[in-house]
Amino acid sequence: IFQRLDQRRLVHHRAACHVDEDAVGPQRLKHLGIDHTEAGALVDPTPTPGSGIPSGATTAIALAEGEEIELVLIKAGTYQAGSPEDEEGRFPNESPQHTVTITRDFYMSAYEITNREYRRFDPRHQGSAAGGVDLYADDLPVVRVTWDQAKAFCDWLSNENELNITLPTEAEWEYACRAGTTTRRYWGNDLGNGLACSYANVADIRAASEFNNPNTFPCDDGYAGTAPVGSYPPNPFGLYDMLGNVWEWCEDWFGIYSSTAVADPTGPTRGYSKLIRGGSWQDGPERVRCAMRSGPPPDNAHPAVGFRIVLRE
């Protein structure tokens, strides 16, 4: 896959993404005094023949002179979408749990799109603080962008690089977020919710005191608002901030799940709300989970909603 892409536009960086074993997975859990079986062992997604390029390989696309957006190769495979009925904090729209197959490899941005990157497209993007917290520093994830604005960024970047860049489908997003895991969060079930602040920017004890938020994690992640992208360990696929920091727009309209196995689902053909996934710096334990689904109107621009991009052949 992608072998026919113009190599002048797509710059290959390294053969494989190295995930620091002390930062994620069983070694990280061991360091924290937690057996990896408690958190849920990683499982390899069911493989599908691809290009032969190793999973986790990274590429970058040009953004501006001297600037690039790093992308991680996500190999095709199969996973269980939604949540089991006994998952703590689940919502009814996560049922039924069902098998989803992603039949084609794709690249996903390693990080959420930042303010700096978005301002290459829209230099006027700026706004007020949220509760006294600045959300517009260059290295913070872009927020207060509508679904249409996120799509416009993708279209602009596609035209600039002569590539097919878009938002992930909901299925691609959850597959990439889970990264071969089967637990509530990619770092484990974390039933006491105390591990979250080591892995994600969430509504923590600071949010409880500064924003009077009663639904918080019992820990301190170090940030009152959004965090600079990549501040926490990546998931096993090498993707950062897939949970927490900001919700991420998906391509699909919000719809009910299939009751049977599906391949490459794209959601309803029409609707009233677009999917966002991942939870944010404003959200507590029930919403910061791999299976959590939400869907604001596409014209909604919220201080906790941003996006990341995917590259398809």
C-alpha atoms as a PDB file:
ATOM      1  CA  ILE A   1       0.000   0.000   0.000  1.00  0.00           C
ATOM      2  CA  PHE A   2       1.079   3.599  -0.699  1.00  0.00           C
ATOM      3  CA  GLN A   3       3.918   2.417  -2.960  1.00  0.00           C
ATOM      4  CA  ARG A   4       2.505   4.523  -5.793  1.00  0.00           C
ATOM      5  CA  LEU A   5       2.473   7.710  -3.740  1.00  0.00           C
ATOM      6  CA  ASP A   6       4.733  10.504  -4.948  1.00  0.00           C
ATOM      7  CA  GLN A   7       7.862  10.136  -2.820  1.00  0.00           C
ATOM      8  CA  ARG A   8       8.613  13.818  -3.272  1.00  0.00           C
ATOM      9  CA  ARG A   9       5.499  14.512  -1.211  1.00  0.00           C
ATOM     10  CA  LEU A  10       5.671  11.626   1.278  1.00  0.00           C
ATOM     11  CA  VAL A  11       8.910  11.511   3.252  1.00  0.00           C
ATOM     12  CA  HIS A  12       9.695   8.199   4.985  1.00  0.00           C
ATOM     13  CA  HIS A  13      11.351   8.707   8.361  1.00  0.00           C
ATOM     14  CA  ARG A  14      12.117   5.340   9.899  1.00  0.00           C
ATOM     15  CA  ALA A  15      11.339   1.692   9.363  1.00  0.00           C
ATOM     16  CA  ALA A  16       9.445   1.145  12.583  1.00  0.00           C
ATOM     17  CA  CYS A  17       8.062   3.177  15.430  1.00  0.00           C
ATOM     18  CA  HIS A  18       9.873   2.307  18.639  1.00  0.00           C
ATOM     19  CA  VAL A  19       7.583   2.363  21.643  1.00  0.00           C
ATOM     20  CA  ASP A  20       9.534   2.827  24.882  1.00  0.00           C
ATOM     21  CA  GLU A  21       8.837  -0.271  26.926  1.00  0.00           C
ATOM     22  CA  ASP A  22       9.355   1.716  30.114  1.00  0.00           C
ATOM     23  CA  ALA A  23       6.603   4.100  29.030  1.00  0.00           C
ATOM     24  CA  VAL A  24       3.817   1.797  27.900  1.00  0.00           C
ATOM     25  CA  GLY A  25       2.702  -1.825  28.133  1.00  0.00           C
ATOM     26  CA  PRO A  26       3.720  -4.508  30.662  1.00  0.00           C
ATOM     27  CA  GLN A  27       7.056  -2.912  31.563  1.00  0.00           C
ATOM     28  CA  ARG A  28       5.397   0.399  32.403  1.00  0.00           C
ATOM     29  CA  LEU A  29       2.782  -1.395  34.484  1.00  0.00           C
ATOM     30  CA  LYS A  30       5.484  -3.359  36.278  1.00  0.00           C
ATOM     31  CA  HIS A  31       7.241  -0.091  37.067  1.00  0.00           C
ATOM     32  CA  LEU A  32       4.003   1.180  38.616  1.00  0.00           C
ATOM     33  CA  GLY A  33       3.683  -1.975  40.701  1.00  0.00           C
ATOM     34  CA  ILE A  34       0.840  -3.489  38.678  1.00  0.00           C
ATOM     35  CA  ASP A  35       0.950  -6.902  37.062  1.00  0.00           C
ATOM     36  CA  HIS A  36       0.233  -6.696  33.335  1.00  0.00           C
ATOM     37  CA  THR A  37      -2.387  -9.427  33.584  1.00  0.00           C
ATOM     38  CA  GLU A  38      -4.421  -7.110  35.804  1.00  0.00           C
ATOM     39  CA  ALA A  39      -4.402  -4.435  33.147  1.00  0.00           C
ATOM     40  CA  GLY A  40      -5.180  -6.831  30.315  1.00  0.00           C
ATOM     41  CA  ALA A  41      -2.502  -8.327  28.106  1.00  0.00           C
ATOM     42  CA  LEU A  42      -2.055  -6.968  24.617  1.00  0.00           C
ATOM     43  CA  VAL A  43      -3.376  -9.083  21.772  1.00  0.00           C
ATOM     44  CA  ASP A  44      -2.279  -8.783  18.170  1.00  0.00           C
ATOM     45  CA  PRO A  45      -5.069  -7.674  15.824  1.00  0.00           C
ATOM     46  CA  THR A  46      -5.982 -10.401  13.351  1.00  0.00           C
ATOM     47  CA  PRO A  47      -3.531  -9.779  10.499  1.00  0.00           C
ATOM     48  CA  THR A  48      -4.511  -9.004   6.954  1.00  0.00           C
ATOM     49  CA  PRO A  49      -1.983  -9.140   4.094  1.00  0.00           C
ATOM     50  CA  GLY A  50      -0.592  -5.680   3.399  1.00  0.00           C
ATOM     51  CA  SER A  51       2.343  -4.029   1.719  1.00  0.00           C
ATOM     52  CA  GLY A  52       5.098  -5.717   3.669  1.00  0.00           C
ATOM     53  CA  ILE A  53       5.989  -2.425   5.355  1.00  0.00           C
ATOM     54  CA  PRO A  54       6.222  -3.128   9.107  1.00  0.00           C
ATOM     55  CA  SER A  55       3.384  -1.996  11.337  1.00  0.00           C
ATOM     56  CA  GLY A  56       4.320   1.152  13.199  1.00  0.00           C
ATOM     57  CA  ALA A  57       6.444   2.496  10.359  1.00  0.00           C
ATOM     58  CA  THR A  58       6.335   6.276  10.290  1.00  0.00           C
ATOM     59  CA  THR A  59       6.100   8.807   7.511  1.00  0.00           C
ATOM     60  CA  ALA A  60       5.767  12.569   7.417  1.00  0.00           C
ATOM     61  CA  ILE A  61       3.896  14.893   5.093  1.00  0.00           C
ATOM     62  CA  ALA A  62       4.988  18.433   4.370  1.00  0.00           C
ATOM     63  CA  LEU A  63       3.095  21.189   6.152  1.00  0.00           C
ATOM     64  CA  ALA A  64       5.315  24.225   5.608  1.00  0.00           C
ATOM     65  CA  GLU A  65       8.984  24.873   4.991  1.00  0.00           C
ATOM     66  CA  GLY A  66      10.825  22.899   7.644  1.00  0.00           C
ATOM     67  CA  GLU A  67       7.596  21.562   9.169  1.00  0.00           C
ATOM     68  CA  GLU A  68       6.005  18.139   8.795  1.00  0.00           C
ATOM     69  CA  ILE A  69       3.177  16.117  10.289  1.00  0.00           C
ATOM     70  CA  GLU A  70       4.301  12.688  11.492  1.00  0.00           C
ATOM     71  CA  LEU A  71       2.107   9.730  10.561  1.00  0.00           C
ATOM     72  CA  VAL A  72       2.119   6.143  11.868  1.00  0.00           C
ATOM     73  CA  LEU A  73       1.277   3.145   9.685  1.00  0.00           C
ATOM     74  CA  ILE A  74      -1.723   1.216  11.027  1.00  0.00           C
ATOM     75  CA  LYS A  75      -1.918  -2.247   9.519  1.00  0.00           C
ATOM     76  CA  ALA A  76      -5.252  -3.780   8.540  1.00  0.00           C
ATOM     77  CA  GLY A  77      -6.845  -6.174  11.009  1.00  0.00           C
ATOM     78  CA  THR A  78      -9.856  -7.156  13.090  1.00  0.00           C
ATOM     79  CA  TYR A  79     -11.050  -6.037  16.529  1.00  0.00           C
ATOM     80  CA  GLN A  80     -14.101  -6.026  18.800  1.00  0.00           C
ATOM     81  CA  ALA A  81     -15.905  -2.669  18.626  1.00  0.00           C
ATOM     82  CA  GLY A  82     -18.024  -1.408  21.488  1.00  0.00           C
ATOM     83  CA  SER A  83     -17.918  -2.604  25.079  1.00  0.00           C
ATOM     84  CA  PRO A  84     -18.999  -5.755  26.917  1.00  0.00           C
ATOM     85  CA  GLU A  85     -22.090  -5.378  29.069  1.00  0.00           C
ATOM     86  CA  ASP A  86     -20.065  -5.652  32.273  1.00  0.00           C
ATOM     87  CA  GLU A  87     -17.633  -2.853  31.430  1.00  0.00           C
ATOM     88  CA  GLU A  88     -17.569  -0.246  34.188  1.00  0.00           C
ATOM     89  CA  GLY A  89     -18.895   3.144  33.070  1.00  0.00           C
ATOM     90  CA  ARG A  90     -20.288   1.981  29.732  1.00  0.00           C
ATOM     91  CA  PHE A  91     -23.185   3.624  27.861  1.00  0.00           C
ATOM     92  CA  PRO A  92     -25.987   1.830  25.943  1.00  0.00           C
ATOM     93  CA  ASN A  93     -24.844   3.163  22.559  1.00  0.00           C
ATOM     94  CA  GLU A  94     -21.717   1.008  22.869  1.00  0.00           C
ATOM     95  CA  SER A  95     -23.847  -2.094  22.226  1.00  0.00           C
ATOM     96  CA  PRO A  96     -23.886  -4.538  20.704  1.00  0.00           C
ATOM     97  CA  GLN A  97     -20.224  -5.420  20.852  1.00  0.00           C
ATOM     98  CA  HIS A  98     -19.356  -6.749  17.419  1.00  0.00           C
ATOM     99  CA  THR A  99     -16.472  -7.749  15.152  1.00  0.00           C
ATOM    100  CA  VAL A 100     -15.087  -5.096  12.817  1.00  0.00           C
ATOM    101  CA  THR A 101     -12.492  -5.720  10.128  1.00  0.00           C
ATOM    102  CA  ILE A 102     -10.331  -2.962   8.710  1.00  0.00           C
ATOM    103  CA  THR A 103      -9.337  -4.309   5.306  1.00  0.00           C
ATOM    104  CA  ARG A 104      -6.780  -1.691   4.253  1.00  0.00           C
ATOM    105  CA  ASP A 105      -3.692  -0.270   5.869  1.00  0.00           C
ATOM    106  CA  PHE A 106      -3.762   3.456   6.579  1.00  0.00           C
ATOM    107  CA  TYR A 107      -1.588   6.119   8.164  1.00  0.00           C
ATOM    108  CA  MET A 108      -2.769   8.140  11.156  1.00  0.00           C
ATOM    109  CA  SER A 109      -1.152  11.251  12.582  1.00  0.00           C
ATOM    110  CA  ALA A 110       0.923  10.338  15.618  1.00  0.00           C
ATOM    111  CA  TYR A 111      -0.362  13.424  17.424  1.00  0.00           C
ATOM    112  CA  GLU A 112      -3.500  15.515  17.499  1.00  0.00           C
ATOM    113  CA  ILE A 113      -3.303  18.473  15.120  1.00  0.00           C
ATOM    114  CA  THR A 114      -1.797  21.415  16.989  1.00  0.00           C
ATOM    115  CA  ASN A 115      -2.611  25.112  16.953  1.00  0.00           C
ATOM    116  CA  ARG A 116       0.641  25.769  15.103  1.00  0.00           C
ATOM    117  CA  GLU A 117      -0.279  23.266  12.389  1.00  0.00           C
ATOM    118  CA  TYR A 118      -3.849  24.466  12.068  1.00  0.00           C
ATOM    119  CA  ARG A 119      -2.759  28.098  11.812  1.00  0.00           C
ATOM    120  CA  ARG A 120      -0.787  27.216   8.689  1.00  0.00           C
ATOM    121  CA  PHE A 121      -4.239  26.708   7.203  1.00  0.00           C
ATOM    122  CA  ASP A 122      -6.117  29.434   9.104  1.00  0.00           C
ATOM    123  CA  PRO A 123      -3.752  32.094  10.539  1.00  0.00           C
ATOM    124  CA  ARG A 124      -6.701  33.815  12.239  1.00  0.00           C
ATOM    125  CA  HIS A 125      -7.478  30.880  14.526  1.00  0.00           C
ATOM    126  CA  GLN A 126      -7.367  32.288  18.038  1.00  0.00           C
ATOM    127  CA  GLY A 127      -9.769  32.633  20.923  1.00  0.00           C
ATOM    128  CA  SER A 128     -10.285  33.368  24.574  1.00  0.00           C
ATOM    129  CA  ALA A 129      -9.150  31.274  27.498  1.00  0.00           C
ATOM    130  CA  ALA A 130     -11.455  28.664  29.017  1.00  0.00           C
ATOM    131  CA  GLY A 131     -11.858  29.297  32.730  1.00  0.00           C
ATOM    132  CA  GLY A 132      -8.597  31.230  32.715  1.00  0.00           C
ATOM    133  CA  VAL A 133      -6.731  28.412  30.959  1.00  0.00           C
ATOM    134  CA  ASP A 134      -4.945  29.204  27.675  1.00  0.00           C
ATOM    135  CA  LEU A 135      -5.894  26.829  24.856  1.00  0.00           C
ATOM    136  CA  TYR A 136      -4.030  28.488  21.982  1.00  0.00           C
ATOM    137  CA  ALA A 137      -0.300  27.943  22.541  1.00  0.00           C
ATOM    138  CA  ASP A 138       1.422  26.535  19.470  1.00  0.00           C
ATOM    139  CA  ASP A 139       2.053  23.038  20.842  1.00  0.00           C
ATOM    140  CA  LEU A 140      -1.426  22.516  22.282  1.00  0.00           C
ATOM    141  CA  PRO A 141      -4.038  20.556  20.319  1.00  0.00           C
ATOM    142  CA  VAL A 142      -6.260  22.759  18.217  1.00  0.00           C
ATOM    143  CA  VAL A 143      -9.750  23.196  19.703  1.00  0.00           C
ATOM    144  CA  ARG A 144     -12.912  25.129  18.933  1.00  0.00           C
ATOM    145  CA  VAL A 145     -12.940  23.821  15.378  1.00  0.00           C
ATOM    146  CA  THR A 146     -16.136  22.505  13.824  1.00  0.00           C
ATOM    147  CA  TRP A 147     -16.318  19.259  11.872  1.00  0.00           C
ATOM    148  CA  ASP A 148     -16.494  21.316   8.670  1.00  0.00           C
ATOM    149  CA  GLN A 149     -13.347  23.216   9.635  1.00  0.00           C
ATOM    150  CA  ALA A 150     -11.513  19.982  10.405  1.00  0.00           C
ATOM    151  CA  LYS A 151     -12.560  18.629   7.015  1.00  0.00           C
ATOM    152  CA  ALA A 152     -11.476  21.865   5.322  1.00  0.00           C
ATOM    153  CA  PHE A 153      -8.023  21.474   6.889  1.00  0.00           C
ATOM    154  CA  CYS A 154      -7.837  17.922   5.501  1.00  0.00           C
ATOM    155  CA  ASP A 155      -8.894  19.114   2.031  1.00  0.00           C
ATOM    156  CA  TRP A 156      -6.319  21.922   2.100  1.00  0.00           C
ATOM    157  CA  LEU A 157      -3.544  19.560   3.186  1.00  0.00           C
ATOM    158  CA  SER A 158      -4.607  17.022   0.530  1.00  0.00           C
ATOM    159  CA  ASN A 159      -4.400  19.649  -2.198  1.00  0.00           C
ATOM    160  CA  GLU A 160      -1.059  20.960  -0.963  1.00  0.00           C
ATOM    161  CA  ASN A 161       0.497  17.476  -1.014  1.00  0.00           C
ATOM    162  CA  GLU A 162      -1.566  15.786  -3.762  1.00  0.00           C
ATOM    163  CA  LEU A 163      -2.611  13.081  -1.301  1.00  0.00           C
ATOM    164  CA  ASN A 164      -5.855  11.652   0.118  1.00  0.00           C
ATOM    165  CA  ILE A 165      -5.991  13.065   3.635  1.00  0.00           C
ATOM    166  CA  THR A 166      -9.174  12.989   5.697  1.00  0.00           C
ATOM    167  CA  LEU A 167     -10.610  12.330   9.145  1.00  0.00           C
ATOM    168  CA  PRO A 168     -10.619   8.741  10.430  1.00  0.00           C
ATOM    169  CA  THR A 169     -13.790   6.737  10.309  1.00  0.00           C
ATOM    170  CA  GLU A 170     -15.115   5.773  13.709  1.00  0.00           C
ATOM    171  CA  ALA A 171     -14.012   2.178  13.081  1.00  0.00           C
ATOM    172  CA  GLU A 172     -10.488   3.239  12.133  1.00  0.00           C
ATOM    173  CA  TRP A 173     -10.328   5.457  15.199  1.00  0.00           C
ATOM    174  CA  GLU A 174     -11.349   2.757  17.687  1.00  0.00           C
ATOM    175  CA  TYR A 175      -9.124   0.157  16.033  1.00  0.00           C
ATOM    176  CA  ALA A 176      -6.161   2.549  16.291  1.00  0.00           C
ATOM    177  CA  CYS A 177      -7.035   3.570  19.852  1.00  0.00           C
ATOM    178  CA  ARG A 178      -7.282   0.009  21.137  1.00  0.00           C
ATOM    179  CA  ALA A 179      -4.051  -0.924  19.377  1.00  0.00           C
ATOM    180  CA  GLY A 180      -4.525  -4.629  20.008  1.00  0.00           C
ATOM    181  CA  THR A 181      -5.812  -4.256  23.578  1.00  0.00           C
ATOM    182  CA  THR A 182      -9.189  -5.428  24.841  1.00  0.00           C
ATOM    183  CA  THR A 183      -9.473  -3.417  28.070  1.00  0.00           C
ATOM    184  CA  ARG A 184     -11.359  -0.207  28.960  1.00  0.00           C
ATOM    185  CA  ARG A 185      -8.308   1.883  28.185  1.00  0.00           C
ATOM    186  CA  TYR A 186      -5.209   0.962  26.224  1.00  0.00           C
ATOM    187  CA  TRP A 187      -3.169   0.973  29.447  1.00  0.00           C
ATOM    188  CA  GLY A 188      -5.573  -1.452  31.141  1.00  0.00           C
ATOM    189  CA  ASN A 189      -8.932  -1.652  32.893  1.00  0.00           C
ATOM    190  CA  ASP A 190      -7.620   0.620  35.669  1.00  0.00           C
ATOM    191  CA  LEU A 191     -10.625  -0.081  37.856  1.00  0.00           C
ATOM    192  CA  GLY A 192      -9.536   2.396  40.523  1.00  0.00           C
ATOM    193  CA  ASN A 193      -8.940   5.033  37.808  1.00  0.00           C
ATOM    194  CA  GLY A 194      -5.696   6.060  39.489  1.00  0.00           C
ATOM    195  CA  LEU A 195      -3.405   5.211  36.578  1.00  0.00           C
ATOM    196  CA  ALA A 196      -5.003   7.590  34.090  1.00  0.00           C
ATOM    197  CA  CYS A 197      -2.871  10.615  34.961  1.00  0.00           C
ATOM    198  CA  SER A 198       0.269   8.706  34.003  1.00  0.00           C
ATOM    199  CA  TYR A 199      -1.134   8.062  30.516  1.00  0.00           C
ATOM    200  CA  ALA A 200      -3.511  10.878  29.598  1.00  0.00           C
ATOM    201  CA  ASN A 201      -4.679  14.432  30.208  1.00  0.00           C
ATOM    202  CA  VAL A 202      -8.069  14.035  31.896  1.00  0.00           C
ATOM    203  CA  ALA A 203     -10.372  15.745  34.363  1.00  0.00           C
ATOM    204  CA  ASP A 204      -8.233  15.310  37.471  1.00  0.00           C
ATOM    205  CA  ILE A 205      -8.109  16.667  40.993  1.00  0.00           C
ATOM    206  CA  ARG A 206      -7.157  20.083  39.577  1.00  0.00           C
ATOM    207  CA  ALA A 207     -10.398  20.102  37.604  1.00  0.00           C
ATOM    208  CA  ALA A 208     -12.279  19.211  40.759  1.00  0.00           C
ATOM    209  CA  SER A 209     -10.934  22.268  42.564  1.00  0.00           C
ATOM    210  CA  GLU A 210     -10.467  24.827  39.759  1.00  0.00           C
ATOM    211  CA  PHE A 211     -13.585  24.061  37.700  1.00  0.00           C
ATOM    212  CA  ASN A 212     -15.820  22.561  40.390  1.00  0.00           C
ATOM    213  CA  ASN A 213     -16.011  19.342  38.378  1.00  0.00           C
ATOM    214  CA  PRO A 214     -17.354  16.499  40.547  1.00  0.00           C
ATOM    215  CA  ASN A 215     -16.667  13.736  38.002  1.00  0.00           C
ATOM    216  CA  THR A 216     -12.896  13.444  38.038  1.00  0.00           C
ATOM    217  CA  PHE A 217     -10.027  10.980  38.234  1.00  0.00           C
ATOM    218  CA  PRO A 218      -8.362  10.639  41.675  1.00  0.00           C
ATOM    219  CA  CYS A 219      -4.958  11.827  40.442  1.00  0.00           C
ATOM    220  CA  ASP A 220      -3.072  14.856  39.083  1.00  0.00           C
ATOM    221  CA  ASP A 221      -2.014  14.811  35.415  1.00  0.00           C
ATOM    222  CA  GLY A 222      -0.055  18.054  35.662  1.00  0.00           C
ATOM    223  CA  TYR A 223      -2.301  20.266  33.514  1.00  0.00           C
ATOM    224  CA  ALA A 224      -5.385  22.329  34.274  1.00  0.00           C
ATOM    225  CA  GLY A 225      -6.372  22.577  30.586  1.00  0.00           C
ATOM    226  CA  THR A 226      -5.100  20.941  27.426  1.00  0.00           C
ATOM    227  CA  ALA A 227      -1.578  19.511  27.465  1.00  0.00           C
ATOM    228  CA  PRO A 228       1.101  19.856  24.769  1.00  0.00           C
ATOM    229  CA  VAL A 229       0.606  16.971  22.360  1.00  0.00           C
ATOM    230  CA  GLY A 230       2.763  13.957  23.139  1.00  0.00           C
ATOM    231  CA  SER A 231       3.102  14.749  26.848  1.00  0.00           C
ATOM    232  CA  TYR A 232       2.153  11.190  27.831  1.00  0.00           C
ATOM    233  CA  PRO A 233       3.261   7.714  26.670  1.00  0.00           C
ATOM    234  CA  PRO A 234       1.904   6.496  23.308  1.00  0.00           C
ATOM    235  CA  ASN A 235      -0.363   3.511  22.926  1.00  0.00           C
ATOM    236  CA  PRO A 236       1.098   0.233  21.573  1.00  0.00           C
ATOM    237  CA  PHE A 237       0.682   1.464  17.974  1.00  0.00           C
ATOM    238  CA  GLY A 238       2.794   4.534  18.725  1.00  0.00           C
ATOM    239  CA  LEU A 239      -0.105   7.018  18.765  1.00  0.00           C
ATOM    240  CA  TYR A 240      -0.222   9.765  21.398  1.00  0.00           C
ATOM    241  CA  ASP A 241      -3.247  11.166  23.259  1.00  0.00           C
ATOM    242  CA  MET A 242      -5.756   8.741  21.776  1.00  0.00           C
ATOM    243  CA  LEU A 243      -7.558   9.034  25.108  1.00  0.00           C
ATOM    244  CA  GLY A 244      -7.874  12.359  26.889  1.00  0.00           C
ATOM    245  CA  ASN A 245      -6.544  15.814  25.994  1.00  0.00           C
ATOM    246  CA  VAL A 246      -9.242  16.557  23.374  1.00  0.00           C
ATOM    247  CA  TRP A 247     -12.120  14.706  21.777  1.00  0.00           C
ATOM    248  CA  GLU A 248     -11.399  13.920  18.123  1.00  0.00           C
ATOM    249  CA  TRP A 249     -13.781  14.379  15.197  1.00  0.00           C
ATOM    250  CA  CYS A 250     -14.464  11.299  13.057  1.00  0.00           C
ATOM    251  CA  GLU A 251     -15.749  11.125   9.502  1.00  0.00           C
ATOM    252  CA  ASP A 252     -19.041   9.371  10.335  1.00  0.00           C
ATOM    253  CA  TRP A 253     -22.487  10.516  11.238  1.00  0.00           C
ATOM    254  CA  PHE A 254     -23.549   9.142  14.619  1.00  0.00           C
ATOM    255  CA  GLY A 255     -25.512   5.895  14.258  1.00  0.00           C
ATOM    256  CA  ILE A 256     -26.402   2.674  16.061  1.00  0.00           C
ATOM    257  CA  TYR A 257     -24.008  -0.240  15.918  1.00  0.00           C
ATOM    258  CA  SER A 258     -24.428  -3.265  13.678  1.00  0.00           C
ATOM    259  CA  SER A 259     -25.581  -6.498  15.295  1.00  0.00           C
ATOM    260  CA  THR A 260     -23.376  -8.538  12.967  1.00  0.00           C
ATOM    261  CA  ALA A 261     -19.740  -8.530  11.896  1.00  0.00           C
ATOM    262  CA  VAL A 262     -18.845  -5.740   9.456  1.00  0.00           C
ATOM    263  CA  ALA A 263     -15.911  -4.632   7.329  1.00  0.00           C
ATOM    264  CA  ASP A 264     -14.854  -0.986   6.930  1.00  0.00           C
ATOM    265  CA  PRO A 265     -18.104   0.537   8.280  1.00  0.00           C
ATOM    266  CA  THR A 266     -18.679   4.217   7.523  1.00  0.00           C
ATOM    267  CA  GLY A 267     -21.858   4.924   9.502  1.00  0.00           C
ATOM    268  CA  PRO A 268     -25.194   6.296   8.270  1.00  0.00           C
ATOM    269  CA  THR A 269     -25.420   8.299   5.047  1.00  0.00           C
ATOM    270  CA  ARG A 270     -27.041  11.211   6.849  1.00  0.00           C
ATOM    271  CA  GLY A 271     -27.710  12.406  10.380  1.00  0.00           C
ATOM    272  CA  TYR A 272     -27.744  15.273  12.856  1.00  0.00           C
ATOM    273  CA  SER A 273     -24.486  14.760  14.729  1.00  0.00           C
ATOM    274  CA  LYS A 274     -20.932  13.749  13.876  1.00  0.00           C
ATOM    275  CA  LEU A 275     -18.964  11.327  16.001  1.00  0.00           C
ATOM    276  CA  ILE A 276     -16.245  12.393  18.387  1.00  0.00           C
ATOM    277  CA  ARG A 277     -14.114   9.903  20.280  1.00  0.00           C
ATOM    278  CA  GLY A 278     -11.531   9.698  23.037  1.00  0.00           C
ATOM    279  CA  GLY A 279     -12.675  11.968  25.860  1.00  0.00           C
ATOM    280  CA  SER A 280     -10.828  15.092  26.923  1.00  0.00           C
ATOM    281  CA  TRP A 281      -9.239  17.212  29.629  1.00  0.00           C
ATOM    282  CA  GLN A 282     -12.764  17.975  30.842  1.00  0.00           C
ATOM    283  CA  ASP A 283     -13.906  14.363  31.189  1.00  0.00           C
ATOM    284  CA  GLY A 284     -13.969  11.820  33.983  1.00  0.00           C
ATOM    285  CA  PRO A 285     -13.659   8.018  34.064  1.00  0.00           C
ATOM    286  CA  GLU A 286     -16.883   7.126  32.242  1.00  0.00           C
ATOM    287  CA  ARG A 287     -15.986   9.159  29.165  1.00  0.00           C
ATOM    288  CA  VAL A 288     -12.262   8.459  28.865  1.00  0.00           C
ATOM    289  CA  ARG A 289     -12.524   4.919  27.515  1.00  0.00           C
ATOM    290  CA  CYS A 290     -11.783   3.285  24.148  1.00  0.00           C
ATOM    291  CA  ALA A 291     -15.468   2.427  23.580  1.00  0.00           C
ATOM    292  CA  MET A 292     -16.967   5.802  24.545  1.00  0.00           C
ATOM    293  CA  ARG A 293     -18.996   7.468  21.768  1.00  0.00           C
ATOM    294  CA  SER A 294     -20.364  10.985  21.600  1.00  0.00           C
ATOM    295  CA  GLY A 295     -21.803  13.124  18.825  1.00  0.00           C
ATOM    296  CA  PRO A 296     -22.277  16.887  18.739  1.00  0.00           C
ATOM    297  CA  PRO A 297     -23.695  18.728  15.705  1.00  0.00           C
ATOM    298  CA  PRO A 298     -21.060  19.272  12.991  1.00  0.00           C
ATOM    299  CA  ASP A 299     -21.188  23.053  13.467  1.00  0.00           C
ATOM    300  CA  ASN A 300     -20.241  22.766  17.139  1.00  0.00           C
ATOM    301  CA  ALA A 301     -16.890  24.364  18.083  1.00  0.00           C
ATOM    302  CA  HIS A 302     -16.030  23.250  21.614  1.00  0.00           C
ATOM    303  CA  PRO A 303     -12.977  23.963  23.815  1.00  0.00           C
ATOM    304  CA  ALA A 304     -12.482  20.233  24.346  1.00  0.00           C
ATOM    305  CA  VAL A 305     -12.847  19.036  20.716  1.00  0.00           C
ATOM    306  CA  GLY A 306     -10.069  18.796  18.118  1.00  0.00           C
ATOM    307  CA  PHE A 307      -8.980  16.194  15.572  1.00  0.00           C
ATOM    308  CA  ARG A 308      -6.245  14.124  13.989  1.00  0.00           C
ATOM    309  CA  ILE A 309      -5.862  13.042  10.377  1.00  0.00           C
ATOM    310  CA  VAL A 310      -5.487   9.865   8.350  1.00  0.00           C
ATOM    311  CA  LEU A 311      -3.824   9.249   5.009  1.00  0.00           C
ATOM    312  CA  ARG A 312      -5.297   6.691   2.636  1.00  0.00           C
ATOM    313  CA  GLU A 313      -4.127   5.398  -0.724  1.00  0.00           C
END
